[in-house]
Protein backbone atom coordinates (compact mmCIF):
# COMPACT_ATOMS: atom_id res chain seq x y z
CA MET A 1 0.06 -0.07 0.14
CA LYS A 2 3.20 2.45 0.43
CA LYS A 3 2.33 3.44 -3.10
CA SER A 4 -1.35 4.00 -3.12
CA LYS A 5 -3.41 7.59 -3.40
CA LEU A 6 -4.71 6.82 -0.02
CA LEU A 7 -1.26 6.83 1.67
CA ARG A 8 -0.10 9.79 -0.08
CA LEU A 9 -2.81 11.84 0.90
CA LEU A 10 -2.73 10.74 4.51
CA GLN A 11 1.23 11.31 4.39
CA ARG A 12 0.81 14.92 4.08
CA PHE A 13 -1.64 15.43 7.14
CA SER A 14 -0.53 16.82 9.82
CA GLU A 15 -0.33 15.13 13.28
CA LYS A 16 -3.62 17.56 14.33
CA GLU A 17 -5.10 16.84 11.27
CA LEU A 18 -4.77 13.02 11.52
CA ILE A 19 -6.54 13.16 14.89
CA ARG A 20 -9.22 15.00 13.74
CA LEU A 21 -9.88 12.54 10.52
CA VAL A 22 -9.99 9.86 13.47
CA GLU A 23 -12.71 12.00 15.39
CA MET A 24 -14.63 11.89 11.52
CA VAL A 25 -14.28 8.73 10.56
CA GLY A 26 -15.39 7.37 13.95
CA SER A 27 -18.41 9.33 13.57
CA PRO A 28 -21.24 7.83 12.22
CA PHE A 29 -22.65 10.97 10.67
CA PHE A 30 -19.67 10.90 8.14
CA ASN A 31 -19.22 7.31 8.06
CA LYS A 32 -20.63 3.54 8.87
CA ASN A 33 -18.14 1.25 8.23
CA LEU A 34 -15.92 0.09 10.59
CA LYS A 35 -13.23 -1.36 8.50
CA CYS A 36 -12.39 2.04 7.18
CA LYS A 37 -11.53 2.95 11.12
CA GLN A 38 -9.64 -0.07 11.37
CA LEU A 39 -7.56 0.95 7.96
CA LEU A 40 -7.03 4.26 9.08
CA ASP A 41 -5.50 2.97 12.64
CA ILE A 42 -3.29 0.59 10.91
CA ILE A 43 -1.82 3.56 8.85
CA ILE A 44 -1.01 5.58 11.94
CA GLU A 45 0.29 2.61 13.28
CA TYR A 46 2.92 2.67 10.43
CA PHE A 47 3.09 5.98 10.08
CA GLU A 48 4.66 5.89 13.92
CA ALA A 49 6.67 2.92 13.25
CA PRO A 50 7.67 2.77 9.51
CA GLU A 51 10.26 -0.60 10.22
CA SER A 52 8.10 -2.60 12.42
CA VAL A 53 4.71 -2.40 10.89
CA ASP A 54 3.98 -4.70 7.94
CA ILE A 55 1.86 -2.03 5.50
CA SER A 56 1.54 -4.70 2.36
CA LYS A 57 -1.62 -5.30 0.87
CA GLU A 58 -1.63 -9.02 2.01
CA VAL A 59 -1.09 -8.13 5.74
CA VAL A 60 -3.37 -5.24 6.09
CA PHE A 61 -5.79 -7.57 4.14
CA LYS A 62 -5.55 -10.02 6.20
CA LYS A 63 -5.92 -7.61 9.42
CA LEU A 64 -9.25 -6.55 8.25
CA PHE A 65 -10.43 -9.49 6.76
CA PRO A 66 -9.62 -12.57 9.10
CA HIS A 67 -11.79 -14.94 8.33
CA LYS A 68 -11.42 -14.35 4.61
CA ALA A 69 -9.17 -17.38 2.86
CA LYS A 70 -8.05 -15.57 -0.42
CA PHE A 71 -6.98 -11.75 -1.16
CA ASN A 72 -10.01 -10.09 -3.01
CA SER A 73 -11.07 -6.56 -3.87
CA SER A 74 -12.35 -6.02 -0.23
CA LEU A 75 -9.22 -3.98 0.75
CA SER A 76 -9.83 -1.67 -2.60
CA VAL A 77 -13.25 -1.09 -1.48
CA VAL A 78 -12.30 -0.15 2.12
CA SER A 79 -9.24 1.80 0.73
CA SER A 80 -11.68 3.76 -1.80
CA LYS A 81 -13.98 4.41 1.08
CA LEU A 82 -11.41 5.95 3.35
CA THR A 83 -9.51 7.69 0.34
CA GLU A 84 -13.07 9.75 -0.09
CA LEU A 85 -13.51 10.39 3.87
CA ALA A 86 -10.38 12.11 3.78
CA GLU A 87 -11.13 14.20 0.77
CA GLU A 88 -14.34 15.02 2.31
CA PHE A 89 -12.49 16.16 5.78
CA LEU A 90 -10.05 18.02 3.50
CA ILE A 91 -13.60 20.08 1.87
CA GLN A 92 -14.64 20.54 5.44
CA ASP A 93 -11.61 21.91 6.68
CA ARG A 94 -10.98 24.35 3.95
CA LEU A 95 -14.76 25.42 4.77
CA LYS A 96 -14.05 26.43 7.91
CA ASP A 97 -12.06 29.72 6.60
CA HIS A 98 -14.78 30.43 4.50
CA ASP A 99 -17.69 31.29 6.07
CA TYR A 100 -19.35 33.48 3.56
CA PHE A 101 -19.04 30.41 1.11
CA LYS A 102 -21.09 28.36 3.34
CA LYS A 103 -23.69 31.31 3.87
CA TYR A 104 -24.28 31.24 -0.22
CA LEU A 105 -24.71 26.90 0.56
CA LEU A 106 -27.28 27.89 2.79
CA LEU A 107 -29.06 30.47 0.73
CA GLU A 108 -29.05 28.11 -1.98
CA SER A 109 -30.64 25.16 0.35
CA LEU A 110 -33.42 28.05 1.61
CA LYS A 111 -33.91 28.71 -2.32
CA GLU A 112 -34.56 24.99 -3.18
CA LYS A 113 -36.90 24.41 -0.48
CA GLU A 114 -39.14 27.65 -1.41
CA LEU A 115 -38.61 29.32 2.34
CA TRP A 116 -38.80 32.47 0.65
CA VAL A 117 -39.19 34.72 4.27
CA TYR A 118 -36.37 32.85 5.53
CA PHE A 119 -33.66 33.48 2.56
CA GLU A 120 -34.79 37.03 2.81
CA ARG A 121 -33.83 37.87 6.58
CA LYS A 122 -30.70 35.42 5.43
CA TYR A 123 -29.77 37.33 2.57
CA VAL A 124 -30.12 40.37 3.94
CA GLU A 125 -27.87 39.97 7.41
CA THR A 126 -24.93 38.10 4.67
CA LYS A 127 -24.71 40.79 3.12
CA LYS A 128 -24.70 43.48 5.73
CA LYS A 129 -22.06 41.22 7.86
CA HIS A 130 -20.07 40.69 4.31
CA GLU A 131 -20.05 44.72 3.24
CA ALA A 132 -18.54 45.51 7.06
CA SER A 133 -15.71 43.17 5.84
CA LYS A 134 -12.65 45.00 6.42
CA LEU A 135 -10.43 42.93 3.56
CA ARG A 136 -11.39 43.47 -0.11
CA GLY A 137 -9.44 40.62 -1.45
CA PRO A 138 -10.61 38.00 -4.95
CA GLN A 139 -12.44 36.22 -2.40
CA PHE A 140 -14.52 39.15 -1.31
CA TYR A 141 -15.42 39.62 -4.81
CA ILE A 142 -16.35 36.14 -6.05
CA GLU A 143 -18.40 36.23 -2.33
CA LYS A 144 -20.07 39.43 -3.29
CA LEU A 145 -20.92 37.73 -6.87
CA LEU A 146 -22.64 34.81 -5.06
CA PHE A 147 -24.55 36.61 -3.13
CA THR A 148 -25.90 38.76 -6.09
CA LYS A 149 -26.29 35.79 -8.13
CA SER A 150 -28.60 34.23 -5.74
CA LEU A 151 -30.67 37.25 -5.00
CA ARG A 152 -31.16 37.12 -8.59
CA GLU A 153 -32.11 33.59 -8.86
CA TYR A 154 -34.69 34.87 -5.85
CA HIS A 155 -36.46 37.40 -8.11
CA LEU A 156 -36.59 35.08 -10.70
CA GLU A 157 -38.41 31.86 -8.71
CA TYR A 158 -40.38 33.53 -6.38
CA GLU A 159 -41.44 36.71 -8.01
CA LYS A 160 -41.49 34.92 -11.40
CA GLY A 161 -39.03 37.38 -13.36
CA ASP A 162 -36.20 40.03 -12.29
CA LYS A 163 -37.46 43.73 -12.94
CA ASN A 164 -37.17 44.02 -9.09
CA PHE A 165 -33.72 43.25 -9.74
CA ASP A 166 -30.57 45.71 -11.50
CA PRO A 167 -28.51 43.61 -13.52
CA ARG A 168 -26.11 46.01 -13.48
CA LEU A 169 -25.08 45.05 -10.03
CA LEU A 170 -24.27 41.48 -11.27
CA ILE A 171 -22.34 42.92 -14.73
CA LYS A 172 -20.03 45.53 -12.44
CA LEU A 173 -18.96 42.42 -9.88
CA LEU A 174 -18.35 40.34 -13.25
CA ASP A 175 -16.55 43.28 -14.50
CA GLU A 176 -14.14 43.71 -11.59
CA ILE A 177 -13.52 39.86 -11.22
CA TYR A 178 -12.68 39.22 -14.86
CA LEU A 179 -10.82 42.73 -15.36
CA GLY A 180 -8.49 42.02 -12.04
CA TYR A 181 -7.54 38.38 -12.76
CA ARG A 182 -7.28 39.73 -16.63
CA LEU A 183 -4.82 42.43 -15.06
CA LEU A 184 -3.08 39.66 -12.68
CA LEU A 185 -2.23 37.26 -15.71
CA SER A 186 -1.29 39.80 -17.94
CA TYR A 187 1.29 40.58 -15.34
CA ALA A 188 2.19 37.02 -15.26
CA ALA A 189 2.43 36.39 -19.04
CA ASN A 190 4.27 39.97 -19.50
CA LEU A 191 7.18 38.83 -16.92
CA ASN A 192 7.32 35.94 -19.20
CA ALA A 193 7.20 37.65 -22.22
CA GLU A 194 4.61 35.42 -23.70
CA TYR A 195 1.79 38.13 -24.04
CA ASP A 196 0.15 39.67 -27.24
CA LYS A 197 0.85 43.24 -27.22
CA ALA A 198 -2.42 43.81 -29.07
CA GLN A 199 -4.72 41.99 -26.56
CA LEU A 200 -2.81 43.77 -23.50
CA GLU A 201 -3.63 47.01 -25.05
CA ILE A 202 -7.26 46.25 -25.02
CA ILE A 203 -7.54 44.96 -21.06
CA MET A 204 -5.16 48.07 -20.40
CA LYS A 205 -7.88 50.17 -22.12
CA LEU A 206 -10.34 48.53 -20.79
CA ALA A 207 -9.46 49.53 -17.28
CA ARG A 208 -8.39 53.12 -17.97
CA THR A 209 -11.96 53.48 -19.49
CA SER A 210 -14.17 51.85 -16.86
CA ASP A 211 -14.68 53.38 -13.22
CA LEU A 212 -12.95 50.37 -11.67
CA LEU A 213 -9.37 51.49 -11.59
CA ASP A 214 -11.45 53.02 -8.12
CA THR A 215 -11.09 49.63 -6.77
CA PRO A 216 -7.51 49.18 -5.32
CA LEU A 217 -6.86 45.78 -5.73
CA ILE A 218 -7.75 46.40 -9.62
CA LYS A 219 -5.25 49.69 -9.75
CA LEU A 220 -2.78 47.60 -7.93
CA PHE A 221 -2.59 44.38 -10.60
CA TYR A 222 -2.93 47.61 -13.53
CA THR A 223 -0.11 49.46 -12.03
CA ALA A 224 1.91 46.05 -12.03
CA VAL A 225 1.49 45.39 -15.39
CA LEU A 226 2.56 49.35 -16.15
CA MET A 227 5.68 48.62 -14.01
CA LEU A 228 6.79 45.81 -16.33
CA LYS A 229 5.33 47.52 -20.10
CA GLU A 230 7.03 50.77 -19.19
CA SER A 231 9.93 49.72 -17.08
CA GLU A 232 11.93 52.70 -17.50
CA GLN A 233 9.55 54.69 -15.88
CA THR A 234 10.22 54.46 -11.88
CA ALA A 235 7.51 56.29 -11.47
CA HIS A 236 5.04 53.40 -11.54
CA PHE A 237 6.78 51.76 -9.18
CA HIS A 238 6.62 54.60 -6.45
CA GLN A 239 2.92 54.75 -7.27
CA PHE A 240 2.84 51.09 -6.75
CA MET A 241 4.50 51.41 -3.48
CA SER A 242 2.18 54.42 -2.02
CA LEU A 243 -1.13 52.26 -3.52
CA ILE A 244 -0.02 49.33 -1.01
CA ASP A 245 0.82 51.45 1.90
CA LYS A 246 -2.43 53.17 1.34
CA HIS A 247 -4.50 50.14 0.88
CA HIS A 248 -1.98 47.47 3.05
CA ARG A 249 -5.18 46.87 5.40
CA ILE A 250 -7.54 45.42 3.60
CA ILE A 251 -5.58 43.25 0.80
CA PRO A 252 -5.76 39.92 2.38
CA ARG A 253 -2.16 38.91 3.38
CA LYS A 254 -1.91 36.29 0.80
CA GLU A 255 -2.55 38.76 -2.12
CA LEU A 256 -0.40 41.63 -0.09
CA SER A 257 2.82 38.93 -0.15
CA GLU A 258 1.89 38.42 -3.69
CA LEU A 259 2.61 42.17 -4.34
CA PHE A 260 5.45 42.70 -2.54
CA SER A 261 7.26 40.08 -4.49
CA VAL A 262 6.05 42.35 -7.69
CA ALA A 263 7.80 45.22 -5.91
CA ALA A 264 11.04 42.84 -5.29
CA ASN A 265 11.50 41.52 -8.78
CA TYR A 266 11.02 44.52 -9.97
CA CYS A 267 13.89 45.95 -7.89
CA VAL A 268 16.15 42.83 -8.72
CA ASN A 269 15.75 43.66 -12.07
CA LYS A 270 16.45 47.13 -11.87
CA ILE A 271 19.40 46.12 -9.84
CA LYS A 272 20.90 44.05 -12.47
CA LYS A 273 20.56 46.60 -15.10
CA GLY A 274 22.98 48.35 -12.80
CA HIS A 275 20.68 50.76 -10.82
CA SER A 276 22.57 50.40 -8.12
CA ASN A 277 20.05 52.55 -6.04
CA PHE A 278 17.15 50.35 -6.04
CA ARG A 279 19.17 47.89 -3.75
CA GLN A 280 18.07 50.88 -1.16
CA GLU A 281 14.76 50.28 -2.50
CA LEU A 282 14.56 46.59 -2.46
CA PHE A 283 15.17 46.56 1.22
CA SER A 284 12.49 49.48 1.58
CA VAL A 285 10.47 46.37 -0.13
CA TYR A 286 11.20 43.61 1.95
CA ASN A 287 11.17 46.10 5.33
CA LYS A 288 7.65 47.13 4.68
CA THR A 289 6.98 43.13 3.79
CA VAL A 290 7.91 42.67 7.39
CA GLN A 291 5.99 45.39 8.48
CA TYR A 292 2.86 44.43 7.37
CA ASN A 293 2.87 41.25 8.59
CA ALA A 294 3.01 39.80 4.78
CA LEU A 295 6.23 37.50 4.83
CA ILE A 296 4.99 34.40 5.54
CA ILE A 297 1.44 32.94 4.31
CA SER A 298 2.69 29.24 4.87
CA THR A 299 3.92 27.28 7.85
CA TYR A 300 7.46 28.00 6.83
CA LEU A 301 9.47 30.83 5.50
CA SER A 302 11.51 30.11 2.25
CA HIS A 303 15.02 29.29 3.21
CA TYR A 304 15.17 31.29 0.34
CA ARG A 305 13.88 34.22 0.56
CA MET A 306 15.66 34.63 4.30
CA LYS A 307 19.15 33.90 2.73
CA ASN A 308 18.19 37.25 0.19
CA ILE A 309 16.64 39.11 2.61
CA ILE A 310 19.68 38.61 4.89
CA SER A 311 22.57 39.16 2.19
CA LEU A 312 21.28 42.22 1.11
CA ALA A 313 20.71 43.94 4.78
CA ALA A 314 24.37 43.32 5.94
CA GLN A 315 25.54 44.48 2.00
CA LEU A 316 24.16 47.80 2.76
CA GLY A 317 24.99 48.10 6.54
CA GLU A 318 21.63 47.32 8.10
CA PHE A 319 23.11 45.05 10.59
CA GLU A 320 21.76 45.68 13.54
CA TRP A 321 18.36 45.22 11.56
CA GLY A 322 19.41 41.43 9.99
CA ASN A 323 19.96 40.46 13.12
CA GLN A 324 17.13 40.91 14.76
CA PHE A 325 15.33 40.02 11.33
CA LEU A 326 17.12 36.52 11.92
CA GLU A 327 16.21 35.91 15.33
CA GLU A 328 13.22 36.63 15.43
CA TYR A 329 12.43 34.55 12.28
CA ILE A 330 14.87 31.75 12.33
CA ASP A 331 11.63 29.43 14.10
CA PHE A 332 9.89 30.02 10.85
CA ILE A 333 12.23 27.57 8.76
CA SER A 334 11.61 24.04 8.31
CA PRO A 335 13.07 22.11 11.01
CA ASN A 336 14.66 20.43 8.85
CA PHE A 337 17.51 22.46 7.96
CA ARG A 338 17.12 25.40 10.72
CA LYS A 339 20.46 25.26 12.11
CA GLY A 340 22.49 25.32 8.91
CA VAL A 341 20.88 28.50 7.46
CA TYR A 342 20.81 30.40 10.69
CA ASN A 343 24.20 29.57 10.82
CA PHE A 344 24.93 30.36 6.97
CA ASN A 345 22.98 33.65 7.19
CA LYS A 346 24.88 34.70 10.92
CA ALA A 347 28.03 33.64 8.39
CA ILE A 348 26.95 36.60 5.86
CA ILE A 349 26.43 39.63 8.53
CA CYS A 350 29.90 38.99 10.08
CA PHE A 351 31.25 38.62 6.49
CA TYR A 352 30.04 42.11 5.87
CA GLN A 353 30.87 43.10 9.36
CA LYS A 354 34.25 42.57 8.61
CA ASN A 355 34.31 40.12 11.48
CA TYR A 356 35.97 37.05 9.24
CA ASP A 357 36.93 34.81 12.19
CA ASN A 358 32.81 34.86 13.36
CA SER A 359 32.13 34.34 9.80
CA LEU A 360 34.45 30.95 9.39
CA MET A 361 33.28 29.84 12.69
CA HIS A 362 29.96 30.01 11.70
CA LEU A 363 30.21 28.55 8.21
CA ASN A 364 32.14 25.40 9.80
CA LYS A 365 29.22 24.88 11.98
CA MET A 366 26.89 24.32 9.20
CA GLU A 367 25.89 20.50 9.37
CA GLY A 368 25.32 18.50 6.30
CA LYS A 369 24.01 19.85 3.05
CA ILE A 370 20.70 22.14 2.65
CA ASP A 371 20.80 22.02 -1.20
CA THR A 372 23.02 23.00 -4.01
CA VAL A 373 21.88 26.74 -3.73
CA TYR A 374 22.71 27.09 0.24
CA GLU A 375 26.11 24.60 -0.95
CA LEU A 376 27.11 26.88 -3.79
CA ASN A 377 26.81 29.99 -1.64
CA ARG A 378 28.64 28.45 1.10
CA LYS A 379 31.85 26.89 -0.42
CA PHE A 380 31.59 30.96 -2.71
CA LEU A 381 31.18 32.67 0.90
CA SER A 382 34.34 30.33 2.31
CA LEU A 383 36.51 31.07 -0.44
CA LYS A 384 36.34 35.01 -0.09
CA THR A 385 36.24 34.85 3.86
CA TYR A 386 39.55 32.78 3.61
CA PHE A 387 41.21 35.47 1.06
CA GLU A 388 40.41 37.95 3.57
CA LEU A 389 41.92 36.05 6.24
CA LYS A 390 44.76 35.81 3.90
CA GLU A 391 44.77 31.97 4.60
CA ASP A 392 45.54 31.63 1.17
CA GLU A 393 46.45 27.70 1.25
CA LEU A 394 42.93 26.86 2.70
CA LEU A 395 41.76 29.24 -0.27
CA ILE A 396 43.22 27.15 -2.92
CA ASN A 397 42.24 23.73 -1.44
CA MET A 398 38.72 24.85 -1.12
CA SER A 399 38.98 26.58 -4.85
CA LEU A 400 39.31 22.84 -5.92
CA SER A 401 36.60 21.67 -4.28
CA PHE A 402 34.33 24.73 -5.59
CA LYS A 403 35.72 23.78 -8.98
CA GLN A 404 34.91 19.93 -8.43
CA PHE A 405 31.44 21.08 -6.99
CA LEU A 406 30.52 23.50 -9.69
CA ARG A 407 31.65 20.64 -12.35
CA THR A 408 29.54 17.72 -10.92
CA ASN A 409 26.23 19.84 -9.92
CA GLU A 410 23.93 19.32 -13.51
CA SER A 411 21.31 21.57 -11.51
CA ILE A 412 24.07 24.14 -11.66
CA ALA A 413 23.42 26.14 -15.20
CA LYS A 414 26.40 26.30 -17.63
CA ASN A 415 26.38 30.85 -17.79
CA GLU A 416 25.95 30.61 -14.04
CA GLU A 417 28.84 27.86 -13.58
CA LYS A 418 31.04 29.80 -15.80
CA ALA A 419 31.02 32.84 -13.74
CA TYR A 420 31.71 31.14 -10.68
CA LYS A 421 34.26 29.42 -12.21
CA ASN A 422 36.09 32.53 -13.28
CA PHE A 423 35.48 34.49 -10.22
CA THR A 424 37.65 31.62 -8.65
CA ASN A 425 40.41 31.97 -11.33
CA ILE A 426 40.67 35.74 -10.59
CA LEU A 427 40.63 35.40 -7.13
CA LEU A 428 43.76 33.07 -7.14
CA LYS A 429 45.30 35.61 -9.46
CA ILE A 430 44.69 38.17 -7.57
CA VAL A 431 46.10 36.13 -4.47
CA LYS A 432 49.10 35.26 -6.74
CA LEU A 433 49.33 39.22 -6.81
CA ARG A 434 48.75 39.90 -3.27
CA ALA A 435 52.29 37.66 -2.66
CA VAL A 436 53.96 39.28 -5.26
CA PHE A 437 53.17 42.20 -7.23
CA ASP A 438 53.78 41.99 -10.97
CA ALA A 439 53.06 44.53 -13.28
CA LYS A 440 52.09 41.95 -16.83
CA LEU A 441 49.67 39.62 -13.84
CA ASP A 442 48.06 43.01 -13.18
CA LYS A 443 46.98 43.79 -16.46
CA LYS A 444 45.71 40.47 -17.21
CA ILE A 445 43.46 40.86 -14.21
CA GLU A 446 42.14 44.03 -15.25
CA GLN A 447 41.83 42.62 -18.71
CA GLU A 448 39.90 40.04 -17.40
CA LEU A 449 37.56 41.74 -15.41
CA ASN A 450 36.33 43.87 -18.40
CA ASP A 451 36.08 41.97 -20.94
CA GLY A 452 32.38 40.95 -20.39
CA ARG A 453 32.73 37.35 -19.62
CA PRO A 454 30.49 35.34 -17.15
CA LEU A 455 31.53 36.91 -13.85
CA VAL A 456 29.90 37.31 -9.87
CA THR A 457 30.58 39.84 -7.66
CA VAL A 458 32.98 41.57 -10.16
CA GLU A 459 32.57 45.13 -8.01
CA TRP A 460 34.62 43.02 -4.93
CA LEU A 461 37.22 41.97 -6.88
CA LYS A 462 37.98 45.33 -8.73
CA THR A 463 38.10 46.48 -4.83
CA LYS A 464 40.42 44.21 -4.08
CA LEU A 465 42.69 44.51 -7.01
CA ASP A 466 42.75 48.49 -6.46
CA LEU A 467 43.69 47.94 -3.08
CA LEU A 468 46.65 46.16 -3.88
CA ARG A 469 47.80 49.01 -6.16
CA ASP A 470 47.34 51.43 -3.13
């Protein structure tokens, strides 16, 4: 059963979810098949001790059906039923966070039973509470659309016509949802350069000529598209950030996090094009993401995102902020590699503080390989730290290990591999020049730094070369 759909599904349940699933399967309201409960108990026993519990179909069949001599489809029937119950649990679990969708289903049931007075009272009550909601994300407009659709059907079925219903209500809601999602998708397509320019202009014109730009989320999506479409006009970026500042309290956290990602991507692209002033803008984006509680939208914070944020803070000299961020958010990193992530990011801060001994100490404390990206950066930072400490022999040994790592990791893009190899080769030449200055070697290094070859942290290398000339 190890490869069954049921087992794969239940393996993704948390401990609390499994406890609640046991309660649900044991409830006669949801399930009257005792074999389902027995099968779930066997699976949970296997989760608790996978080495000692045999979960093969034959063994499980014997446990469930001890009086049956031959293996048959009975296990498959029970497994299918338990899978349906697990799926129903997930539906019920999601409904807990969608109170207004439950209200809509109630309105639909009241209509079906022709309880018109009850429907009217519930509709007015629900609409009043819904309109008082602070958040104005996509879910709000979809819920409003469902309520309005339900109201129209009430007029059609109870009053035998919709003369008392204004269809413009539905039209505006449909336009808001359509335009919002279309702008969002246009942003994504524009980002990947896979968009029809004519179609994009149609949707942008529709936004400009309607009154829907008064809707904050639509205005933000519209501005996001402008940021990509007219990327040289930085006024769009500043307007985008102003809109976030103005409306962040009414935007759900998931959407707010996505909007900050849009702003961060814009800054990163500007930095790549040589606009170094956008490093400070990017830090401001990260700072506001934290300030507005939009950094974490799931169980864990991405360890890549933590690295990016800490690296930028350290490069800008925001050491106190970086240390505080690391201490506050390290517990949101997956426990599988939390210690390694902590030590790597601590090493980054120490490196930019020029506390190279402590930087190396934290790099050496990293236990086990987190992933290719972190291992690449660990070796890269070690090279730079050995250089600063003038540990030339250790640097040379690390350079050999680093080149081997680059050569054998297929997940590293070829251009990226070349950039790091070129860095390593030039750094070794600078080490040689530091030992004995040679004008010809100096000139050769200068040429390699400026000939356009793929190269990482070229400015850092230039700074180290300039220091040798002083």
